[in-house]
Every structure is written in C-alpha cells, then in structure tokens.
C-alpha cells in the first residue's frame, strides 16, 4: 500500500484506481507537507490565493493544507492547488492536531492565527509568529520584517511603500514573486447559472452583447467609508446611462446586508438587481456574469480581480497602491486630502466618499469599453459553455 500517496486515506479507496500500490497511474507521493494559515478578512483570503503558484514553484511536489475561517472557506472551494481545506471549527482543529508539516506559511498577524498554529507541528515557519508571554506578533524570518514594519508605521504604509500587498506577502514568506493572479474556480453549475444571468441582464438591450457593468454597492462593516452613498450611486448610474445608453447594462451587486440599500438605489432607474440573499458563492456567480465591476475596496473588488473582470475601484480611507488590478482596471481616487487614513470611524462633515468625481467613473467605463474591444477577453470565464 502506498500510504504516503496524496490520495491515500486508509479507510476507503480514493476512486482513481482499483488497487492502491506502486503500479497505480495516479500514484503521487508529495515530498513536502505545507500548512497555510490565512483566516481573514474575506477579500484578503481570496487575494492570498495568489501565493499558491509561488508555493508550488518553490515546492513542486507538495501537499497543501489551508486553514481559514468561515465563510472564507467558500472562496477556496474547488481550488486544485489546495489538497485539504480546514476551518477554525472544532472538528477541523481536531483534524489539524493529528497532522505535522514541513513548512508553515502564517499570513495573518493575529493571535487567532497563532492559536491555530499551536494545534499542530511545523518544522519551519514563514510569515509571522508570536511571543507567547506578551502576545506580540513578530516576524518569523527576516523576510517578513518589511511587511511587519509597514503595519506598525502609518507613514510607511500610506506614503513610503509602493509595493502591492501581493508582492509584500510573497516576499514576506520567502516566495518568488511573479505577479501571480488570484485563483477562484466556479463549478459547472455555477458557470451555467452565470450564463443564464448574463442573458437576462442583457436581454433588455436591442443588440446582443452590451457591456454588463456590475456595481458592487457594499463593503464590510469594519470601515464603512469604503462604500458610496445611495445618492452618489444614483448620480453615477444616471450619468453612465446618459453617456453610454444601450452600450451598457447595469446590475447592482451585494450581499444580504445590501438588499434594502440596493432597492433604494434602483428606485426609478432602469437597472437590474442581483440576488443578495443566496450566499457568498451565489454572489460570485453574479460577478462572473458581468464584464466590468465598479466597486470600492471590498470583497466584490477582489472577486472581480480573481475572475479577471475589468475593475474600476475607487479608494478613500484605504491605500490604492496596495491593490494590483493586473492591468485590467482603473483606480479612482477620492479628492479628500486626508486619504488614506484607515480610520474605522470619521466625524468629518464632508466624507471621502462625497469627494469622488462622477467624471472619473465615466472615464473608467470608457477605458473598460476600449479594453474589451481591443482584447479577445470580451467573454466571461465560463466561455466554454455555448451561448
């Protein structure tokens, strides 16, 4: 029996072959067992999938276990580079406690991540560790020093640093940075549902394939200033419809918490509303059905990046230079002179989201239209399904 095989469990056949021995054509014995601990936030976890190709370059024959926190695990499903996906739920941590690893990549600078790490044994840790007495988060190796210091110094984070977060993460984990894209895979059923929505959202137009623009209206409650007001959304939509007419079809995107807000935005406007009550994976389906995403610095932005959409992302309280749009997008800056600040609350009378220019969104859509016309990418990632 090949007990070291990637697919061997010891209690049932893997389904790849009738016998489990050295003659099995699917036999695959990893040389390294690797643990990735990346718990939150949702967008950050999705962005973290860009590390997987770099891990595979450094450790080609490796078995990867990724531990995250619900519901972030939904973003990692169907990822072929992840062999075992665990959460912070009790049963999964029991599973983790039975395992040992050659290398651990700890992305989160949090005691919760350190608690997960304490459930298992890793011979070598990259990223971050902690002082067990004080609880202080520390760089595990010298390579993580830069990212660690950026988090502790606002001037470095806001103005001195020019690297994207994907580059900083790769370098902090001693991985070769090659600007790898995020990885987010849809199932066949999800691809088919995305195609159905695409057809519905373009059906009100006379010509076959307008640019379907998904406007992601929400953000996490951590920094609420990362989303525009209802009135600003309406103002932008009205202007875009006036400028581009039948060239575009606009869809409001969001989660359960955005349902009522999207209804308010859509009032008296000839636009579509995506389902908001069906969960995270269904939200991914809606993004997949669009060609372009207009969004704040939020999960919706990261999903758009992962699905290789043209993304127009506006920034107020957070740092635009940390986000890589992979040459498929436009960055829109607030005119507020206090940006970025990363403040969770703000008492200013005029907020950063009040100081974005509608003209910048018009220009972004023009660029999005041009990008689609010049490239062969005017199709969703489920293009293998016949229209």
Protein backbone atom coordinates (compact mmCIF):
# COMPACT_ATOMS: atom_id res chain seq x y z
CA UNK A 1 0.00 0.00 0.00
CA UNK A 2 1.27 3.46 -0.94
CA UNK A 3 0.35 5.09 2.38
CA UNK A 4 2.29 8.26 1.53
CA UNK A 5 0.25 8.93 -1.61
CA UNK A 6 -1.56 12.26 -1.84
CA UNK A 7 -4.89 10.46 -2.22
CA UNK A 8 -4.45 7.70 0.37
CA UNK A 9 -6.77 7.94 3.40
CA UNK A 10 -6.55 4.44 4.87
CA UNK A 11 -10.28 3.90 5.25
CA UNK A 12 -11.69 3.83 1.71
CA UNK A 13 -10.48 3.74 -1.92
CA UNK A 14 -9.69 7.11 -3.47
CA UNK A 15 -11.68 6.21 -6.60
CA UNK A 16 -8.79 6.72 -9.02
CA UNK A 17 -7.75 3.08 -9.34
CA UNK A 18 -8.88 -0.39 -8.25
CA UNK A 19 -5.64 -1.12 -6.39
CA UNK A 20 -3.56 1.08 -4.11
CA UNK A 21 0.05 0.16 -4.90
CA UNK A 22 3.14 1.35 -6.74
CA UNK A 23 1.55 0.46 -10.09
CA UNK A 24 -1.32 2.93 -9.71
CA UNK A 25 -1.18 5.50 -12.57
CA UNK A 26 -2.49 8.21 -10.17
CA UNK A 27 0.19 7.50 -7.57
CA UNK A 28 1.53 10.82 -6.25
CA UNK A 29 3.77 10.98 -3.20
CA UNK A 30 4.41 14.58 -2.03
CA UNK A 31 7.90 15.50 -0.89
CA UNK A 32 6.69 18.32 1.37
CA UNK A 33 3.67 18.84 3.59
CA UNK A 34 2.74 22.51 3.77
CA UNK A 35 0.35 24.43 6.03
CA UNK A 36 -1.14 27.82 5.09
CA UNK A 37 -2.87 29.77 7.86
CA UNK A 38 -4.90 32.66 6.45
CA UNK A 39 -8.13 33.28 8.33
CA UNK A 40 -9.50 36.72 7.40
CA UNK A 41 -10.71 39.07 6.02
CA UNK A 42 -12.65 37.64 3.08
CA UNK A 43 -11.03 39.76 0.39
CA UNK A 44 -7.59 39.24 1.88
CA UNK A 45 -8.05 35.45 1.91
CA UNK A 46 -9.05 35.48 -1.75
CA UNK A 47 -6.05 37.67 -2.55
CA UNK A 48 -3.91 35.16 -0.67
CA UNK A 49 -4.66 32.51 -3.30
CA UNK A 50 -2.12 34.33 -5.49
CA UNK A 51 0.53 32.79 -3.21
CA UNK A 52 -0.30 29.24 -4.24
CA UNK A 53 1.53 29.21 -7.60
CA UNK A 54 4.61 30.63 -5.86
CA UNK A 55 4.43 27.91 -3.21
CA UNK A 56 4.23 25.30 -5.96
CA UNK A 57 7.24 26.81 -7.71
CA UNK A 58 9.29 26.55 -4.52
CA UNK A 59 7.89 23.17 -3.53
CA UNK A 60 6.73 21.48 -6.77
CA UNK A 61 5.84 18.18 -5.14
CA UNK A 62 3.92 19.44 -2.14
CA UNK A 63 0.68 18.70 -0.32
CA UNK A 64 -1.04 21.92 0.82
CA UNK A 65 -3.42 22.22 3.75
CA UNK A 66 -5.11 25.63 4.12
CA UNK A 67 -6.80 26.68 7.36
CA UNK A 68 -9.22 29.59 7.21
CA UNK A 69 -12.30 30.91 8.98
CA UNK A 70 -15.88 30.53 7.80
CA UNK A 71 -17.25 31.80 5.45
CA UNK A 72 -13.87 32.42 3.78
CA UNK A 73 -13.67 28.69 3.06
CA UNK A 74 -16.32 29.21 0.38
CA UNK A 75 -13.80 31.28 -1.58
CA UNK A 76 -11.29 28.43 -1.55
CA UNK A 77 -13.55 25.62 -2.72
CA UNK A 78 -12.66 23.86 -5.99
CA UNK A 79 -9.09 25.17 -5.83
CA UNK A 80 -6.94 22.47 -7.39
CA UNK A 81 -3.78 23.68 -5.61
CA UNK A 82 -5.31 23.12 -2.16
CA UNK A 83 -5.29 19.46 -1.13
CA UNK A 84 -7.01 19.83 2.24
CA UNK A 85 -9.25 22.73 3.31
CA UNK A 86 -9.92 23.19 7.02
CA UNK A 87 -11.67 25.86 9.09
CA UNK A 88 -11.39 27.02 12.68
CA UNK A 89 -14.38 24.88 13.63
CA UNK A 90 -13.70 22.42 16.47
CA UNK A 91 -13.80 19.25 14.37
CA UNK A 92 -11.39 20.70 11.80
CA UNK A 93 -8.96 21.78 14.52
CA UNK A 94 -9.07 18.22 15.86
CA UNK A 95 -8.09 17.05 12.38
CA UNK A 96 -5.28 19.60 12.31
CA UNK A 97 -3.95 18.38 15.64
CA UNK A 98 -3.35 14.96 14.11
CA UNK A 99 -1.09 16.36 11.39
CA UNK A 100 2.51 17.54 11.10
CA UNK A 101 4.04 19.76 8.44
CA UNK A 102 7.43 20.53 6.96
CA UNK A 103 6.64 24.20 6.36
CA UNK A 104 4.03 26.62 7.68
CA UNK A 105 3.06 29.90 5.99
CA UNK A 106 1.31 32.15 8.50
CA UNK A 107 -0.19 35.16 6.71
CA UNK A 108 -2.35 36.73 9.44
CA UNK A 109 -0.78 38.94 12.07
CA UNK A 110 -3.19 37.81 14.77
CA UNK A 111 -3.26 35.74 17.94
CA UNK A 112 -6.11 33.72 16.48
CA UNK A 113 -3.79 32.56 13.70
CA UNK A 114 -1.16 31.75 16.31
CA UNK A 115 -3.74 29.69 18.18
CA UNK A 116 -4.38 27.69 15.02
CA UNK A 117 -0.66 27.18 14.60
CA UNK A 118 -0.41 25.85 18.15
CA UNK A 119 -2.75 23.00 17.20
CA UNK A 120 -0.10 21.36 15.05
CA UNK A 121 3.64 20.98 14.45
CA UNK A 122 5.62 22.73 11.70
CA UNK A 123 9.36 22.25 11.26
CA UNK A 124 9.80 25.70 9.70
CA UNK A 125 7.57 28.80 9.89
CA UNK A 126 7.46 31.64 7.38
CA UNK A 127 5.50 34.85 7.87
CA UNK A 128 4.59 35.58 11.44
CA UNK A 129 4.94 34.09 14.92
CA UNK A 130 4.22 35.49 18.39
CA UNK A 131 5.66 35.98 21.83
CA UNK A 132 3.69 33.54 23.97
CA UNK A 133 4.02 35.69 27.09
CA UNK A 134 3.14 39.16 25.76
CA UNK A 135 1.09 38.06 22.76
CA UNK A 136 3.10 40.36 20.49
CA UNK A 137 3.14 39.42 16.79
CA UNK A 138 6.66 39.11 15.40
CA UNK A 139 8.25 38.32 12.00
CA UNK A 140 9.12 34.65 11.73
CA UNK A 141 12.13 35.36 9.49
CA UNK A 142 13.99 38.47 8.36
CA UNK A 143 12.00 38.40 5.10
CA UNK A 144 8.79 39.34 6.96
CA UNK A 145 10.40 42.38 8.62
CA UNK A 146 9.34 44.84 5.89
CA UNK A 147 5.64 43.87 5.93
CA UNK A 148 5.69 43.80 9.74
CA UNK A 149 7.14 47.33 9.93
CA UNK A 150 4.72 48.71 7.34
CA UNK A 151 1.86 47.59 9.56
CA UNK A 152 3.35 49.48 12.50
CA UNK A 153 4.14 52.77 10.75
CA UNK A 154 1.41 54.83 9.05
CA UNK A 155 3.90 56.95 7.12
CA UNK A 156 5.50 53.83 5.64
CA UNK A 157 2.13 52.29 4.87
CA UNK A 158 0.48 55.38 3.39
CA UNK A 159 3.34 57.09 1.58
CA UNK A 160 6.71 55.29 1.54
CA UNK A 161 5.60 51.83 0.47
CA UNK A 162 4.97 51.42 -3.26
CA UNK A 163 4.59 47.64 -3.35
CA UNK A 164 1.28 45.84 -3.76
CA UNK A 165 0.08 43.63 -0.95
CA UNK A 166 0.51 40.56 -3.14
CA UNK A 167 4.19 41.39 -3.60
CA UNK A 168 4.70 42.16 0.09
CA UNK A 169 3.06 38.88 1.10
CA UNK A 170 5.09 36.77 -1.31
CA UNK A 171 8.34 38.37 -0.21
CA UNK A 172 7.47 38.08 3.48
CA UNK A 173 7.00 34.32 3.01
CA UNK A 174 10.28 33.97 1.06
CA UNK A 175 8.42 33.09 -2.13
CA UNK A 176 9.33 34.15 -5.65
CA UNK A 177 7.02 36.99 -6.68
CA UNK A 178 5.86 36.75 -10.31
CA UNK A 179 2.63 38.74 -10.09
CA UNK A 180 0.50 35.60 -9.99
CA UNK A 181 -3.22 36.12 -10.29
CA UNK A 182 -5.79 35.13 -7.68
CA UNK A 183 -7.40 31.69 -8.05
CA UNK A 184 -11.19 31.40 -7.88
CA UNK A 185 -12.85 28.48 -9.65
CA UNK A 186 -16.52 28.09 -10.48
CA UNK A 187 -18.29 24.73 -10.69
CA UNK A 188 -20.06 23.73 -13.89
CA UNK A 189 -23.41 24.54 -12.29
CA UNK A 190 -22.17 27.98 -11.23
CA UNK A 191 -20.89 28.69 -14.73
CA UNK A 192 -24.27 27.78 -16.20
CA UNK A 193 -26.13 29.99 -13.71
CA UNK A 194 -23.78 32.86 -14.52
CA UNK A 195 -24.52 32.46 -18.22
CA UNK A 196 -28.27 32.47 -17.50
CA UNK A 197 -27.96 35.72 -15.56
CA UNK A 198 -25.82 37.25 -18.25
CA UNK A 199 -28.51 36.52 -20.83
CA UNK A 200 -31.21 38.02 -18.60
CA UNK A 201 -29.23 41.14 -17.79
CA UNK A 202 -28.51 41.82 -21.46
CA UNK A 203 -31.95 40.85 -22.78
CA UNK A 204 -33.41 44.33 -22.39
CA UNK A 205 -30.96 45.68 -24.95
CA UNK A 206 -31.50 45.66 -28.71
CA UNK A 207 -28.04 44.38 -29.59
CA UNK A 208 -26.64 41.08 -28.40
CA UNK A 209 -23.74 41.89 -26.12
CA UNK A 210 -23.71 45.15 -24.21
CA UNK A 211 -21.07 45.77 -21.59
CA UNK A 212 -22.63 44.42 -18.41
CA UNK A 213 -21.44 46.57 -15.53
CA UNK A 214 -21.81 45.20 -12.02
CA UNK A 215 -21.87 47.92 -9.38
CA UNK A 216 -20.78 46.46 -6.05
CA UNK A 217 -22.53 48.68 -3.54
CA UNK A 218 -21.41 47.33 -0.17
CA UNK A 219 -18.38 46.62 1.96
CA UNK A 220 -17.58 45.00 5.29
CA UNK A 221 -18.67 46.86 8.46
CA UNK A 222 -15.03 47.30 9.52
CA UNK A 223 -14.52 50.52 7.54
CA UNK A 224 -17.94 51.68 6.34
CA UNK A 225 -16.49 54.68 4.48
CA UNK A 226 -15.34 52.29 1.75
CA UNK A 227 -18.81 52.38 0.18
CA UNK A 228 -20.58 55.21 -1.63
CA UNK A 229 -23.88 56.71 -0.52
CA UNK A 230 -27.20 55.82 -2.11
CA UNK A 231 -27.35 59.25 -3.72
CA UNK A 232 -23.84 59.00 -5.12
CA UNK A 233 -24.60 55.61 -6.66
CA UNK A 234 -27.73 57.02 -8.25
CA UNK A 235 -25.80 60.02 -9.55
CA UNK A 236 -23.13 57.84 -11.13
CA UNK A 237 -25.66 55.43 -12.65
CA UNK A 238 -27.75 58.26 -14.12
CA UNK A 239 -24.66 59.80 -15.69
CA UNK A 240 -23.42 56.50 -17.10
CA UNK A 241 -26.79 55.71 -18.64
CA UNK A 242 -26.90 59.18 -20.17
CA UNK A 243 -23.39 58.88 -21.59
CA UNK A 244 -23.44 55.29 -22.86
CA UNK A 245 -27.09 54.36 -23.35
CA UNK A 246 -27.55 50.92 -24.91
CA UNK A 247 -23.81 50.21 -24.84
CA UNK A 248 -24.10 49.20 -21.19
CA UNK A 249 -26.39 47.29 -18.86
CA UNK A 250 -26.04 48.00 -15.12
CA UNK A 251 -26.52 45.43 -12.35
CA UNK A 252 -26.38 46.12 -8.62
CA UNK A 253 -24.26 43.59 -6.69
CA UNK A 254 -24.08 42.99 -2.97
CA UNK A 255 -24.73 40.71 -0.03
CA UNK A 256 -27.67 40.14 2.27
CA UNK A 257 -26.90 43.33 4.20
CA UNK A 258 -27.17 45.35 0.95
CA UNK A 259 -30.67 44.19 -0.05
CA UNK A 260 -32.65 47.21 1.11
CA UNK A 261 -29.93 49.64 0.09
CA UNK A 262 -29.85 48.23 -3.44
CA UNK A 263 -33.61 48.59 -3.67
CA UNK A 264 -33.27 52.25 -2.73
CA UNK A 265 -30.54 52.79 -5.32
CA UNK A 266 -32.55 51.04 -8.05
CA UNK A 267 -35.73 53.05 -7.41
CA UNK A 268 -36.87 54.77 -10.64
CA UNK A 269 -33.79 53.56 -12.53
CA UNK A 270 -33.84 51.10 -15.44
CA UNK A 271 -31.24 48.74 -14.00
CA UNK A 272 -31.03 45.18 -12.67
CA UNK A 273 -30.58 43.88 -9.12
CA UNK A 274 -28.66 40.68 -8.50
CA UNK A 275 -29.86 38.19 -5.85
CA UNK A 276 -28.47 39.19 -2.44
CA UNK A 277 -29.93 36.53 -0.15
CA UNK A 278 -28.39 33.37 -1.62
CA UNK A 279 -24.95 33.38 -0.02
CA UNK A 280 -21.35 34.05 -0.94
CA UNK A 281 -20.97 31.52 -3.76
CA UNK A 282 -24.07 32.89 -5.47
CA UNK A 283 -22.60 36.36 -5.24
CA UNK A 284 -19.55 35.06 -7.10
CA UNK A 285 -21.92 33.80 -9.81
CA UNK A 286 -23.34 37.31 -10.23
CA UNK A 287 -19.89 38.84 -10.59
CA UNK A 288 -18.99 36.16 -13.14
CA UNK A 289 -22.00 37.19 -15.23
CA UNK A 290 -20.66 40.75 -15.58
CA UNK A 291 -17.97 42.20 -17.83
CA UNK A 292 -16.89 45.11 -15.65
CA UNK A 293 -17.09 45.78 -11.93
CA UNK A 294 -17.37 49.22 -10.31
CA UNK A 295 -16.56 48.90 -6.64
CA UNK A 296 -14.92 50.19 -3.52
CA UNK A 297 -12.01 48.43 -1.80
CA UNK A 298 -14.05 45.39 -0.80
CA UNK A 299 -14.63 41.68 -1.33
CA UNK A 300 -16.51 42.49 -4.54
CA UNK A 301 -13.37 44.14 -5.88
CA UNK A 302 -11.26 41.08 -5.08
CA UNK A 303 -13.81 38.73 -6.68
CA UNK A 304 -13.76 40.90 -9.81
CA UNK A 305 -9.96 40.75 -9.88
CA UNK A 306 -9.98 36.98 -9.36
CA UNK A 307 -12.43 36.44 -12.22
CA UNK A 308 -10.34 38.68 -14.47
CA UNK A 309 -13.00 41.32 -14.97
CA UNK A 310 -12.21 44.91 -15.85
CA UNK A 311 -12.35 46.56 -12.41
CA UNK A 312 -12.89 50.25 -11.69
CA UNK A 313 -12.05 50.58 -8.00
CA UNK A 314 -12.41 53.78 -6.02
CA UNK A 315 -10.36 54.44 -2.89
CA UNK A 316 -10.98 56.70 0.09
CA UNK A 317 -9.80 55.52 3.50
CA UNK A 318 -7.54 52.72 2.21
CA UNK A 319 -4.36 52.52 0.13
CA UNK A 320 -4.83 52.17 -3.63
CA UNK A 321 -1.18 51.29 -4.23
CA UNK A 322 -1.61 48.06 -2.25
CA UNK A 323 -4.08 46.66 -4.80
CA UNK A 324 -2.94 45.12 -8.08
CA UNK A 325 -5.60 45.32 -10.79
CA UNK A 326 -3.33 43.30 -13.12
CA UNK A 327 -3.61 45.82 -15.98
CA UNK A 328 -7.34 45.12 -16.16
CA UNK A 329 -8.71 48.14 -14.39
CA UNK A 330 -8.80 51.76 -13.36
CA UNK A 331 -8.07 53.29 -9.97
CA UNK A 332 -10.31 56.15 -8.89
CA UNK A 333 -9.13 58.38 -6.06
CA UNK A 334 -11.16 60.50 -3.69
CA UNK A 335 -10.28 64.20 -3.70
CA UNK A 336 -10.15 64.21 0.11
CA UNK A 337 -6.75 65.47 1.26
CA UNK A 338 -6.85 63.18 4.34
CA UNK A 339 -6.84 59.98 2.26
CA UNK A 340 -5.67 57.36 3.06
CA UNK A 341 -6.32 57.13 6.78
CA UNK A 342 -7.57 53.59 7.53
CA UNK A 343 -9.88 55.03 10.17
CA UNK A 344 -12.83 52.86 11.13
CA UNK A 345 -14.94 55.88 12.01
CA UNK A 346 -14.82 59.53 10.92
CA UNK A 347 -16.63 62.63 12.15
CA UNK A 348 -15.91 64.90 9.19
CA UNK A 349 -18.89 66.75 7.72
CA UNK A 350 -17.77 66.01 4.18
CA UNK A 351 -16.60 62.42 3.84
CA UNK A 352 -14.10 60.94 1.40
CA UNK A 353 -16.94 59.13 -0.40
CA UNK A 354 -18.56 62.52 -1.04
CA UNK A 355 -15.42 63.69 -2.84
CA UNK A 356 -15.23 61.22 -5.70
CA UNK A 357 -15.85 62.66 -9.16
CA UNK A 358 -18.56 61.25 -11.40
CA UNK A 359 -16.37 62.12 -14.39
CA UNK A 360 -13.79 59.61 -13.18
CA UNK A 361 -16.36 56.80 -13.35
CA UNK A 362 -17.35 57.87 -16.86
CA UNK A 363 -13.69 57.78 -17.89
CA UNK A 364 -13.30 54.34 -16.29
CA UNK A 365 -16.21 52.92 -18.28
CA UNK A 366 -14.72 54.36 -21.47
CA UNK A 367 -11.49 52.56 -20.67
CA UNK A 368 -13.42 49.40 -19.89
CA UNK A 369 -15.21 49.53 -23.24
CA UNK A 370 -11.93 50.14 -25.05
CA UNK A 371 -10.21 47.31 -23.18
CA UNK A 372 -12.90 44.84 -24.20
CA UNK A 373 -12.87 45.98 -27.81
CA UNK A 374 -9.10 45.62 -28.12
CA UNK A 375 -8.78 42.29 -26.38
CA UNK A 376 -10.17 38.86 -27.04
CA UNK A 377 -11.39 38.74 -23.44
CA UNK A 378 -14.86 40.05 -24.11
CA UNK A 379 -16.29 36.89 -22.63
CA UNK A 380 -16.81 35.51 -19.13
CA UNK A 381 -14.56 32.77 -17.69
CA UNK A 382 -17.29 30.23 -18.48
CA UNK A 383 -16.93 30.81 -22.24
CA UNK A 384 -16.65 27.11 -22.95
CA UNK A 385 -20.41 26.88 -22.39
CA UNK A 386 -22.26 27.58 -25.61
CA UNK A 387 -24.46 30.67 -25.61
